[in-house]
Amino acid sequence: MIQNIWAVGRNYAEHAKELGNEIPTEPMIFLKAGSTATLASKDLHLPTWDSEIHHEVELALQFDENLQIDEACLALDLTDRKKQNELKAKGHPWTLAKSFIDSCPLSNFFPVNDLEELKNLEITLKINNEVRQKGNTNQMIFRIEDLINFVKKHFPVQPGDLLLTGTPSGVGPIKKGDILEAELKTKMMHTWKAQ
């Protein structure tokens, strides 16, 4: 069971720049409710309200009963960008923009035997066969081990929790009918249809 989703903001420099944000000097963590996760669904459910929902493809890590990483998957950190910008301008929390129903679609999980195997993986998101996001996990500002240690030091991490490791540049809006295809090269591919 996923109780918490610990998400890392601005962990790829080009993504921070594209949104006009400063590059952080320590991991910037925000929380998505574990109940926002949908596992291996082919459908991506957009919220019922009229807004601008952006895709953010990420490598997600899952903590085991010993709070070690034993599995990983692809995740979409869906974001209500209009609402997030409004909240940021007021200095308010982002919860409404980040933790709405079904805002964290996941692929199937694959086993992780050694964190080294996650450190040089190409991550890509295509929408309607057009590449929108492309990066490599070696471009992360904060290394995977540092992110794991940071969240375990500062937060009540539970077995089953997810750690979203940040998104490469190229985020943008999605609309109903879009076909999203995420790939973590040599590890995983998953396709969603926006509903």
N, C-alpha and C. Protein backbone atom coordinates (compact mmCIF):
# COMPACT_ATOMS: atom_id res chain seq x y z
N MET A 1 0.84 -1.20 0.00
CA MET A 1 0.00 0.00 0.00
C MET A 1 0.88 1.25 0.00
N ILE A 2 0.51 2.19 -0.84
CA ILE A 2 1.25 3.45 -0.93
C ILE A 2 0.58 4.47 -0.02
N GLN A 3 1.22 4.81 1.09
CA GLN A 3 0.65 5.82 1.99
C GLN A 3 1.05 7.22 1.56
N ASN A 4 2.30 7.38 1.18
CA ASN A 4 2.83 8.71 0.85
C ASN A 4 3.62 8.68 -0.44
N ILE A 5 3.56 9.79 -1.16
CA ILE A 5 4.39 9.97 -2.34
C ILE A 5 5.25 11.20 -2.09
N TRP A 6 6.54 10.97 -1.83
CA TRP A 6 7.49 12.04 -1.57
C TRP A 6 8.07 12.47 -2.92
N ALA A 7 7.74 13.66 -3.36
CA ALA A 7 8.09 14.10 -4.72
C ALA A 7 9.16 15.19 -4.66
N VAL A 8 10.13 15.07 -5.55
CA VAL A 8 11.25 16.01 -5.60
C VAL A 8 10.98 17.04 -6.70
N GLY A 9 10.95 18.30 -6.33
CA GLY A 9 10.77 19.37 -7.30
C GLY A 9 12.10 19.89 -7.81
N ARG A 10 12.14 20.26 -9.07
CA ARG A 10 13.28 20.97 -9.66
C ARG A 10 14.59 20.18 -9.53
N ASN A 11 14.55 18.89 -9.85
CA ASN A 11 15.77 18.08 -9.75
C ASN A 11 16.51 17.94 -11.08
N TYR A 12 15.98 18.58 -12.12
CA TYR A 12 16.67 18.69 -13.40
C TYR A 12 16.80 20.18 -13.71
N ALA A 13 18.00 20.65 -13.94
CA ALA A 13 18.25 22.09 -14.07
C ALA A 13 17.43 22.72 -15.19
N GLU A 14 17.33 22.05 -16.33
CA GLU A 14 16.60 22.64 -17.47
C GLU A 14 15.12 22.76 -17.17
N HIS A 15 14.57 21.85 -16.37
CA HIS A 15 13.16 21.96 -16.00
C HIS A 15 12.94 23.14 -15.05
N ALA A 16 13.85 23.33 -14.10
CA ALA A 16 13.74 24.49 -13.21
C ALA A 16 13.76 25.78 -14.03
N LYS A 17 14.65 25.84 -15.01
CA LYS A 17 14.78 27.05 -15.83
C LYS A 17 13.54 27.30 -16.67
N GLU A 18 12.94 26.22 -17.23
CA GLU A 18 11.81 26.42 -18.13
C GLU A 18 10.60 27.00 -17.39
N LEU A 19 10.52 26.77 -16.07
CA LEU A 19 9.42 27.33 -15.28
C LEU A 19 9.83 28.61 -14.56
N GLY A 20 11.04 29.10 -14.85
CA GLY A 20 11.50 30.35 -14.24
C GLY A 20 11.84 30.24 -12.77
N ASN A 21 12.25 29.04 -12.34
CA ASN A 21 12.57 28.82 -10.94
C ASN A 21 14.08 28.75 -10.73
N GLU A 22 14.50 29.10 -9.52
CA GLU A 22 15.90 28.97 -9.17
C GLU A 22 16.25 27.49 -9.02
N ILE A 23 17.51 27.16 -9.30
CA ILE A 23 17.98 25.80 -9.09
C ILE A 23 18.23 25.62 -7.59
N PRO A 24 17.63 24.61 -6.96
CA PRO A 24 17.73 24.47 -5.50
C PRO A 24 19.12 24.03 -5.05
N THR A 25 19.44 24.37 -3.81
CA THR A 25 20.73 23.97 -3.23
C THR A 25 20.58 22.76 -2.31
N GLU A 26 19.35 22.37 -1.99
CA GLU A 26 19.07 21.11 -1.31
C GLU A 26 17.76 20.58 -1.88
N PRO A 27 17.50 19.27 -1.76
CA PRO A 27 16.28 18.72 -2.35
C PRO A 27 15.03 19.46 -1.88
N MET A 28 14.17 19.78 -2.83
CA MET A 28 12.90 20.44 -2.54
C MET A 28 11.81 19.38 -2.62
N ILE A 29 11.21 19.06 -1.48
CA ILE A 29 10.26 17.95 -1.40
C ILE A 29 8.85 18.48 -1.19
N PHE A 30 7.92 17.93 -1.96
CA PHE A 30 6.50 18.17 -1.68
C PHE A 30 5.80 16.82 -1.62
N LEU A 31 4.61 16.80 -1.06
CA LEU A 31 3.90 15.56 -0.78
C LEU A 31 2.66 15.43 -1.65
N LYS A 32 2.54 14.26 -2.26
CA LYS A 32 1.28 13.89 -2.92
C LYS A 32 0.68 12.75 -2.09
N ALA A 33 -0.62 12.74 -1.92
CA ALA A 33 -1.25 11.65 -1.18
C ALA A 33 -1.03 10.32 -1.89
N GLY A 34 -0.76 9.26 -1.12
CA GLY A 34 -0.60 7.95 -1.73
C GLY A 34 -1.83 7.51 -2.49
N SER A 35 -2.99 7.98 -2.08
CA SER A 35 -4.24 7.60 -2.73
C SER A 35 -4.41 8.22 -4.11
N THR A 36 -3.49 9.11 -4.52
CA THR A 36 -3.56 9.67 -5.88
C THR A 36 -2.96 8.72 -6.91
N ALA A 37 -2.24 7.67 -6.45
CA ALA A 37 -1.57 6.75 -7.36
C ALA A 37 -2.56 5.78 -8.00
N THR A 38 -2.40 5.57 -9.30
CA THR A 38 -3.15 4.54 -10.02
C THR A 38 -2.13 3.63 -10.69
N LEU A 39 -2.19 2.35 -10.39
CA LEU A 39 -1.16 1.42 -10.82
C LEU A 39 -1.51 0.74 -12.14
N ALA A 40 -0.63 0.92 -13.12
CA ALA A 40 -0.67 0.18 -14.39
C ALA A 40 -2.00 0.29 -15.12
N SER A 41 -2.70 1.39 -14.94
CA SER A 41 -3.93 1.62 -15.69
C SER A 41 -3.58 2.12 -17.09
N LYS A 42 -4.40 1.81 -18.05
CA LYS A 42 -4.21 2.32 -19.41
C LYS A 42 -4.90 3.67 -19.60
N ASP A 43 -5.79 4.00 -18.65
CA ASP A 43 -6.52 5.27 -18.73
C ASP A 43 -5.91 6.29 -17.78
N LEU A 44 -5.86 7.51 -18.23
CA LEU A 44 -5.37 8.62 -17.42
C LEU A 44 -6.56 9.57 -17.24
N HIS A 45 -7.05 9.67 -16.01
CA HIS A 45 -8.26 10.44 -15.75
C HIS A 45 -7.92 11.88 -15.38
N LEU A 46 -8.31 12.79 -16.26
CA LEU A 46 -8.10 14.21 -15.99
C LEU A 46 -9.19 14.70 -15.04
N PRO A 47 -8.90 15.74 -14.25
CA PRO A 47 -9.92 16.24 -13.31
C PRO A 47 -11.12 16.83 -14.05
N THR A 48 -12.23 16.87 -13.35
CA THR A 48 -13.48 17.32 -13.97
C THR A 48 -13.52 18.83 -14.18
N TRP A 49 -12.72 19.57 -13.40
CA TRP A 49 -12.75 21.02 -13.57
C TRP A 49 -11.91 21.42 -14.78
N ASP A 50 -12.23 22.58 -15.32
CA ASP A 50 -11.55 23.08 -16.51
C ASP A 50 -10.25 23.74 -16.10
N SER A 51 -9.13 23.14 -16.48
CA SER A 51 -7.84 23.70 -16.09
C SER A 51 -6.78 23.25 -17.06
N GLU A 52 -5.54 23.61 -16.77
CA GLU A 52 -4.41 23.25 -17.62
C GLU A 52 -3.56 22.22 -16.89
N ILE A 53 -3.79 20.95 -17.21
CA ILE A 53 -3.09 19.86 -16.55
C ILE A 53 -1.83 19.52 -17.35
N HIS A 54 -0.68 19.59 -16.68
CA HIS A 54 0.60 19.33 -17.33
C HIS A 54 1.10 17.93 -16.98
N HIS A 55 1.83 17.34 -17.93
CA HIS A 55 2.53 16.07 -17.72
C HIS A 55 3.92 16.35 -17.17
N GLU A 56 4.36 15.49 -16.25
CA GLU A 56 5.74 15.49 -15.75
C GLU A 56 6.13 14.03 -15.55
N VAL A 57 6.91 13.48 -16.47
CA VAL A 57 7.30 12.08 -16.39
C VAL A 57 8.49 11.93 -15.44
N GLU A 58 8.47 10.88 -14.62
CA GLU A 58 9.51 10.71 -13.60
C GLU A 58 9.84 9.24 -13.35
N LEU A 59 11.04 9.01 -12.87
CA LEU A 59 11.40 7.72 -12.30
C LEU A 59 10.91 7.72 -10.86
N ALA A 60 10.12 6.70 -10.50
CA ALA A 60 9.61 6.58 -9.13
C ALA A 60 10.24 5.36 -8.47
N LEU A 61 10.65 5.53 -7.22
CA LEU A 61 11.26 4.45 -6.45
C LEU A 61 10.33 4.07 -5.31
N GLN A 62 10.30 2.77 -4.98
CA GLN A 62 9.43 2.32 -3.89
C GLN A 62 10.26 1.75 -2.75
N PHE A 63 9.91 2.16 -1.52
CA PHE A 63 10.59 1.67 -0.32
C PHE A 63 10.02 0.32 0.11
N ASP A 64 10.91 -0.61 0.48
CA ASP A 64 10.46 -1.90 0.98
C ASP A 64 10.28 -1.86 2.50
N GLU A 65 10.09 -3.02 3.12
CA GLU A 65 9.82 -3.07 4.56
C GLU A 65 11.02 -2.62 5.39
N ASN A 66 12.20 -2.62 4.79
CA ASN A 66 13.40 -2.12 5.48
C ASN A 66 13.77 -0.70 5.07
N LEU A 67 12.86 -0.06 4.36
CA LEU A 67 13.05 1.30 3.84
C LEU A 67 14.24 1.40 2.90
N GLN A 68 14.48 0.30 2.19
CA GLN A 68 15.43 0.28 1.08
C GLN A 68 14.63 0.29 -0.22
N ILE A 69 15.27 0.64 -1.32
CA ILE A 69 14.58 0.64 -2.61
C ILE A 69 14.70 -0.73 -3.24
N ASP A 70 13.55 -1.38 -3.47
CA ASP A 70 13.59 -2.70 -4.10
C ASP A 70 12.83 -2.75 -5.42
N GLU A 71 12.05 -1.70 -5.72
CA GLU A 71 11.31 -1.65 -6.98
C GLU A 71 11.27 -0.20 -7.48
N ALA A 72 11.01 -0.08 -8.78
CA ALA A 72 10.87 1.25 -9.39
C ALA A 72 9.83 1.16 -10.51
N CYS A 73 9.39 2.31 -10.97
CA CYS A 73 8.43 2.36 -12.06
C CYS A 73 8.51 3.74 -12.71
N LEU A 74 7.73 3.91 -13.76
CA LEU A 74 7.53 5.23 -14.35
C LEU A 74 6.29 5.86 -13.71
N ALA A 75 6.35 7.16 -13.50
CA ALA A 75 5.21 7.87 -12.92
C ALA A 75 4.97 9.15 -13.70
N LEU A 76 3.73 9.58 -13.70
CA LEU A 76 3.37 10.91 -14.18
C LEU A 76 2.94 11.74 -12.98
N ASP A 77 3.67 12.81 -12.72
CA ASP A 77 3.27 13.75 -11.68
C ASP A 77 2.39 14.80 -12.36
N LEU A 78 1.09 14.50 -12.46
CA LEU A 78 0.18 15.43 -13.12
C LEU A 78 0.03 16.69 -12.26
N THR A 79 0.05 17.84 -12.93
CA THR A 79 0.08 19.12 -12.23
C THR A 79 -0.90 20.09 -12.86
N ASP A 80 -1.75 20.66 -12.02
CA ASP A 80 -2.64 21.75 -12.47
C ASP A 80 -1.79 23.02 -12.48
N ARG A 81 -1.18 23.32 -13.64
CA ARG A 81 -0.18 24.38 -13.71
C ARG A 81 -0.78 25.76 -13.41
N LYS A 82 -1.97 26.00 -13.91
CA LYS A 82 -2.61 27.30 -13.64
C LYS A 82 -2.83 27.50 -12.14
N LYS A 83 -3.35 26.47 -11.49
CA LYS A 83 -3.59 26.56 -10.05
C LYS A 83 -2.27 26.65 -9.29
N GLN A 84 -1.25 25.90 -9.71
CA GLN A 84 0.04 25.96 -9.04
C GLN A 84 0.62 27.38 -9.11
N ASN A 85 0.54 28.00 -10.27
CA ASN A 85 1.07 29.36 -10.42
C ASN A 85 0.32 30.35 -9.53
N GLU A 86 -1.00 30.18 -9.43
CA GLU A 86 -1.80 31.05 -8.55
C GLU A 86 -1.37 30.87 -7.10
N LEU A 87 -1.21 29.62 -6.68
CA LEU A 87 -0.83 29.33 -5.30
C LEU A 87 0.57 29.82 -4.98
N LYS A 88 1.51 29.61 -5.92
CA LYS A 88 2.88 30.07 -5.72
C LYS A 88 2.93 31.58 -5.56
N ALA A 89 2.15 32.29 -6.36
CA ALA A 89 2.14 33.75 -6.31
C ALA A 89 1.66 34.27 -4.95
N LYS A 90 0.81 33.50 -4.29
CA LYS A 90 0.29 33.88 -2.98
C LYS A 90 1.12 33.31 -1.83
N GLY A 91 2.14 32.51 -2.16
CA GLY A 91 2.93 31.88 -1.12
C GLY A 91 2.20 30.75 -0.41
N HIS A 92 1.20 30.17 -1.09
CA HIS A 92 0.39 29.10 -0.50
C HIS A 92 0.93 27.73 -0.88
N PRO A 93 0.57 26.67 -0.14
CA PRO A 93 0.97 25.31 -0.51
C PRO A 93 0.38 24.91 -1.87
N TRP A 94 1.02 23.92 -2.50
CA TRP A 94 0.63 23.48 -3.84
C TRP A 94 -0.35 22.31 -3.85
N THR A 95 -0.85 21.89 -2.71
CA THR A 95 -1.58 20.62 -2.63
C THR A 95 -2.69 20.50 -3.66
N LEU A 96 -3.48 21.55 -3.82
CA LEU A 96 -4.59 21.49 -4.76
C LEU A 96 -4.11 21.28 -6.20
N ALA A 97 -2.92 21.74 -6.51
CA ALA A 97 -2.37 21.62 -7.87
C ALA A 97 -1.67 20.29 -8.11
N LYS A 98 -1.32 19.59 -7.03
CA LYS A 98 -0.47 18.39 -7.17
C LYS A 98 -1.13 17.10 -6.67
N SER A 99 -2.12 17.19 -5.80
CA SER A 99 -2.61 16.00 -5.11
C SER A 99 -4.09 15.74 -5.35
N PHE A 100 -4.55 16.07 -6.57
CA PHE A 100 -5.95 15.79 -6.89
C PHE A 100 -6.12 14.31 -7.25
N ILE A 101 -7.35 13.86 -7.36
CA ILE A 101 -7.66 12.45 -7.63
C ILE A 101 -6.98 11.98 -8.91
N ASP A 102 -6.32 10.82 -8.85
CA ASP A 102 -5.65 10.18 -9.99
C ASP A 102 -4.50 11.02 -10.56
N SER A 103 -3.87 11.84 -9.73
CA SER A 103 -2.81 12.72 -10.24
C SER A 103 -1.44 12.07 -10.28
N CYS A 104 -1.37 10.75 -10.00
CA CYS A 104 -0.08 10.07 -10.07
C CYS A 104 -0.23 8.69 -10.74
N PRO A 105 -0.45 8.67 -12.05
CA PRO A 105 -0.51 7.38 -12.76
C PRO A 105 0.86 6.71 -12.77
N LEU A 106 0.89 5.39 -12.56
CA LEU A 106 2.12 4.62 -12.51
C LEU A 106 2.10 3.52 -13.55
N SER A 107 3.29 3.13 -14.00
CA SER A 107 3.44 1.93 -14.82
C SER A 107 3.51 0.72 -13.89
N ASN A 108 3.72 -0.44 -14.46
CA ASN A 108 4.08 -1.60 -13.64
C ASN A 108 5.44 -1.35 -13.00
N PHE A 109 5.71 -2.04 -11.91
CA PHE A 109 7.00 -1.94 -11.23
C PHE A 109 7.98 -2.94 -11.82
N PHE A 110 9.26 -2.62 -11.72
CA PHE A 110 10.31 -3.58 -12.06
C PHE A 110 11.29 -3.65 -10.89
N PRO A 111 11.95 -4.79 -10.69
CA PRO A 111 12.84 -4.94 -9.53
C PRO A 111 14.11 -4.11 -9.66
N VAL A 112 14.59 -3.63 -8.52
CA VAL A 112 15.87 -2.91 -8.46
C VAL A 112 16.80 -3.70 -7.55
N ASN A 113 17.86 -4.21 -8.12
CA ASN A 113 18.84 -4.97 -7.34
C ASN A 113 19.97 -4.10 -6.84
N ASP A 114 20.25 -3.02 -7.57
CA ASP A 114 21.35 -2.13 -7.23
C ASP A 114 21.01 -0.74 -7.77
N LEU A 115 21.14 0.27 -6.94
CA LEU A 115 20.81 1.63 -7.38
C LEU A 115 21.66 2.08 -8.56
N GLU A 116 22.83 1.49 -8.74
CA GLU A 116 23.70 1.85 -9.86
C GLU A 116 23.00 1.68 -11.19
N GLU A 117 22.10 0.71 -11.28
CA GLU A 117 21.43 0.44 -12.56
C GLU A 117 20.42 1.53 -12.94
N LEU A 118 20.16 2.46 -12.02
CA LEU A 118 19.20 3.54 -12.29
C LEU A 118 19.87 4.86 -12.63
N LYS A 119 21.19 4.90 -12.64
CA LYS A 119 21.90 6.18 -12.69
C LYS A 119 22.23 6.70 -14.08
N ASN A 120 21.94 5.91 -15.11
CA ASN A 120 22.24 6.38 -16.48
C ASN A 120 21.19 5.83 -17.42
N LEU A 121 19.93 6.21 -17.15
CA LEU A 121 18.81 5.72 -17.93
C LEU A 121 18.12 6.87 -18.65
N GLU A 122 17.88 6.68 -19.93
CA GLU A 122 17.15 7.68 -20.71
C GLU A 122 15.66 7.58 -20.38
N ILE A 123 15.06 8.72 -20.13
CA ILE A 123 13.62 8.77 -19.82
C ILE A 123 12.95 9.67 -20.85
N THR A 124 11.87 9.17 -21.45
CA THR A 124 11.22 9.86 -22.56
C THR A 124 9.71 9.83 -22.38
N LEU A 125 9.05 10.90 -22.77
CA LEU A 125 7.59 10.91 -22.85
C LEU A 125 7.19 11.42 -24.23
N LYS A 126 6.40 10.60 -24.92
CA LYS A 126 5.82 11.01 -26.20
C LYS A 126 4.33 11.25 -26.00
N ILE A 127 3.81 12.25 -26.68
CA ILE A 127 2.37 12.47 -26.71
C ILE A 127 1.94 12.45 -28.17
N ASN A 128 1.03 11.54 -28.48
CA ASN A 128 0.58 11.34 -29.86
C ASN A 128 1.77 11.16 -30.79
N ASN A 129 2.73 10.35 -30.35
CA ASN A 129 3.94 9.98 -31.11
C ASN A 129 4.96 11.10 -31.25
N GLU A 130 4.76 12.21 -30.57
CA GLU A 130 5.73 13.31 -30.61
C GLU A 130 6.47 13.39 -29.28
N VAL A 131 7.82 13.41 -29.33
CA VAL A 131 8.60 13.48 -28.11
C VAL A 131 8.39 14.84 -27.46
N ARG A 132 7.95 14.83 -26.20
CA ARG A 132 7.74 16.07 -25.44
C ARG A 132 8.79 16.24 -24.35
N GLN A 133 9.15 15.14 -23.70
CA GLN A 133 10.16 15.19 -22.64
C GLN A 133 11.22 14.14 -22.91
N LYS A 134 12.48 14.54 -22.73
CA LYS A 134 13.58 13.59 -22.90
C LYS A 134 14.73 14.03 -22.01
N GLY A 135 15.22 13.11 -21.20
CA GLY A 135 16.33 13.41 -20.32
C GLY A 135 17.01 12.12 -19.92
N ASN A 136 17.93 12.22 -19.00
CA ASN A 136 18.66 11.06 -18.52
C ASN A 136 18.80 11.19 -17.01
N THR A 137 18.68 10.09 -16.31
CA THR A 137 18.76 10.14 -14.85
C THR A 137 20.14 10.64 -14.39
N ASN A 138 21.13 10.61 -15.27
CA ASN A 138 22.45 11.16 -14.89
C ASN A 138 22.46 12.68 -14.85
N GLN A 139 21.36 13.31 -15.28
CA GLN A 139 21.24 14.77 -15.25
C GLN A 139 20.61 15.29 -13.96
N MET A 140 20.24 14.40 -13.06
CA MET A 140 19.64 14.85 -11.80
C MET A 140 20.62 15.73 -11.03
N ILE A 141 20.10 16.79 -10.43
CA ILE A 141 20.94 17.67 -9.61
C ILE A 141 21.36 16.93 -8.34
N PHE A 142 20.42 16.23 -7.72
CA PHE A 142 20.70 15.46 -6.51
C PHE A 142 20.65 13.98 -6.84
N ARG A 143 21.70 13.26 -6.48
CA ARG A 143 21.80 11.84 -6.79
C ARG A 143 20.73 11.03 -6.06
N ILE A 144 20.43 9.88 -6.60
CA ILE A 144 19.39 9.04 -6.03
C ILE A 144 19.65 8.72 -4.56
N GLU A 145 20.89 8.34 -4.21
CA GLU A 145 21.20 8.03 -2.81
C GLU A 145 20.97 9.24 -1.91
N ASP A 146 21.32 10.42 -2.41
CA ASP A 146 21.13 11.64 -1.61
C ASP A 146 19.65 11.92 -1.38
N LEU A 147 18.83 11.69 -2.39
CA LEU A 147 17.39 11.90 -2.25
C LEU A 147 16.80 10.92 -1.22
N ILE A 148 17.20 9.67 -1.33
CA ILE A 148 16.70 8.65 -0.39
C ILE A 148 17.08 9.01 1.04
N ASN A 149 18.35 9.35 1.25
CA ASN A 149 18.81 9.70 2.60
C ASN A 149 18.12 10.95 3.12
N PHE A 150 17.87 11.92 2.24
CA PHE A 150 17.23 13.18 2.66
C PHE A 150 15.81 12.94 3.14
N VAL A 151 15.02 12.20 2.37
CA VAL A 151 13.62 11.99 2.79
C VAL A 151 13.55 11.11 4.03
N LYS A 152 14.43 10.12 4.14
CA LYS A 152 14.42 9.27 5.34
C LYS A 152 14.84 10.04 6.58
N LYS A 153 15.71 11.02 6.41
CA LYS A 153 16.16 11.83 7.55
C LYS A 153 15.08 12.79 8.01
N HIS A 154 14.32 13.36 7.08
CA HIS A 154 13.41 14.46 7.41
C HIS A 154 11.94 14.07 7.54
N PHE A 155 11.55 12.91 7.00
CA PHE A 155 10.12 12.59 6.93
C PHE A 155 9.82 11.19 7.46
N PRO A 156 8.57 10.94 7.87
CA PRO A 156 8.18 9.62 8.38
C PRO A 156 7.90 8.64 7.23
N VAL A 157 8.94 8.26 6.52
CA VAL A 157 8.80 7.36 5.38
C VAL A 157 8.31 5.99 5.86
N GLN A 158 7.36 5.44 5.13
CA GLN A 158 6.75 4.15 5.48
C GLN A 158 7.02 3.12 4.38
N PRO A 159 7.05 1.83 4.72
CA PRO A 159 7.15 0.80 3.68
C PRO A 159 6.05 0.97 2.64
N GLY A 160 6.42 0.86 1.38
CA GLY A 160 5.45 1.04 0.29
C GLY A 160 5.40 2.45 -0.26
N ASP A 161 5.95 3.42 0.48
CA ASP A 161 5.95 4.81 -0.01
C ASP A 161 6.74 4.92 -1.31
N LEU A 162 6.39 5.93 -2.10
CA LEU A 162 7.10 6.22 -3.34
C LEU A 162 7.96 7.46 -3.18
N LEU A 163 9.06 7.49 -3.93
CA LEU A 163 9.90 8.67 -4.06
C LEU A 163 9.96 9.01 -5.53
N LEU A 164 9.34 10.14 -5.93
CA LEU A 164 9.42 10.64 -7.30
C LEU A 164 10.66 11.50 -7.41
N THR A 165 11.50 11.21 -8.40
CA THR A 165 12.86 11.77 -8.42
C THR A 165 13.03 13.02 -9.27
N GLY A 166 11.95 13.58 -9.79
CA GLY A 166 12.05 14.80 -10.57
C GLY A 166 11.81 14.54 -12.05
N THR A 167 11.53 15.62 -12.78
CA THR A 167 11.17 15.49 -14.20
C THR A 167 12.11 16.30 -15.08
N PRO A 168 12.45 15.75 -16.26
CA PRO A 168 13.24 16.54 -17.20
C PRO A 168 12.41 17.66 -17.83
N SER A 169 13.06 18.54 -18.56
CA SER A 169 12.37 19.66 -19.19
C SER A 169 11.41 19.17 -20.27
N GLY A 170 10.52 20.07 -20.70
CA GLY A 170 9.57 19.76 -21.75
C GLY A 170 8.16 19.56 -21.27
N VAL A 171 7.89 19.88 -20.00
CA VAL A 171 6.53 19.70 -19.47
C VAL A 171 5.55 20.58 -20.23
N GLY A 172 4.31 20.13 -20.28
CA GLY A 172 3.30 20.89 -21.00
C GLY A 172 1.92 20.29 -20.82
N PRO A 173 0.91 20.92 -21.42
CA PRO A 173 -0.47 20.50 -21.19
C PRO A 173 -0.84 19.22 -21.93
N ILE A 174 -1.81 18.51 -21.36
CA ILE A 174 -2.41 17.36 -22.03
C ILE A 174 -3.92 17.57 -22.09
N LYS A 175 -4.53 16.90 -23.05
CA LYS A 175 -5.99 17.04 -23.20
C LYS A 175 -6.61 15.68 -23.43
N LYS A 176 -7.90 15.61 -23.27
CA LYS A 176 -8.61 14.35 -23.46
C LYS A 176 -8.34 13.80 -24.85
N GLY A 177 -8.12 12.50 -24.91
CA GLY A 177 -7.84 11.84 -26.18
C GLY A 177 -6.36 11.69 -26.48
N ASP A 178 -5.50 12.44 -25.78
CA ASP A 178 -4.06 12.31 -26.00
C ASP A 178 -3.59 10.90 -25.61
N ILE A 179 -2.64 10.39 -26.37
CA ILE A 179 -1.99 9.12 -26.05
C ILE A 179 -0.59 9.44 -25.54
N LEU A 180 -0.32 9.06 -24.30
CA LEU A 180 0.97 9.33 -23.66
C LEU A 180 1.75 8.03 -23.55
N GLU A 181 2.97 8.04 -24.06
CA GLU A 181 3.83 6.86 -24.02
C GLU A 181 5.13 7.22 -23.31
N ALA A 182 5.32 6.63 -22.13
CA ALA A 182 6.52 6.90 -21.34
C ALA A 182 7.47 5.72 -21.45
N GLU A 183 8.77 6.02 -21.51
CA GLU A 183 9.76 4.95 -21.61
C GLU A 183 10.96 5.26 -20.73
N LEU A 184 11.40 4.25 -20.00
CA LEU A 184 12.66 4.28 -19.28
C LEU A 184 13.52 3.25 -20.00
N LYS A 185 14.48 3.74 -20.79
CA LYS A 185 15.13 2.88 -21.78
C LYS A 185 15.74 1.62 -21.15
N THR A 186 15.42 0.52 -21.77
CA THR A 186 15.80 -0.86 -21.43
C THR A 186 15.07 -1.40 -20.21
N LYS A 187 14.31 -0.57 -19.51
CA LYS A 187 13.66 -1.03 -18.27
C LYS A 187 12.14 -1.16 -18.40
N MET A 188 11.49 -0.16 -19.00
CA MET A 188 10.04 -0.09 -18.87
C MET A 188 9.45 0.83 -19.93
N MET A 189 8.25 0.47 -20.40
CA MET A 189 7.47 1.35 -21.27
C MET A 189 6.02 1.23 -20.83
N HIS A 190 5.31 2.34 -20.87
CA HIS A 190 3.89 2.32 -20.49
C HIS A 190 3.14 3.37 -21.30
N THR A 191 1.89 3.05 -21.65
CA THR A 191 1.05 3.95 -22.44
C THR A 191 -0.24 4.23 -21.69
N TRP A 192 -0.65 5.52 -21.70
CA TRP A 192 -1.92 5.95 -21.13
C TRP A 192 -2.72 6.70 -22.20
N LYS A 193 -4.03 6.66 -22.07
CA LYS A 193 -4.91 7.51 -22.88
C LYS A 193 -5.63 8.45 -21.95
N ALA A 194 -5.52 9.76 -22.22
CA ALA A 194 -6.16 10.76 -21.36
C ALA A 194 -7.67 10.73 -21.57
N GLN A 195 -8.39 10.66 -20.45
CA GLN A 195 -9.86 10.59 -20.47
C GLN A 195 -10.45 11.86 -19.88
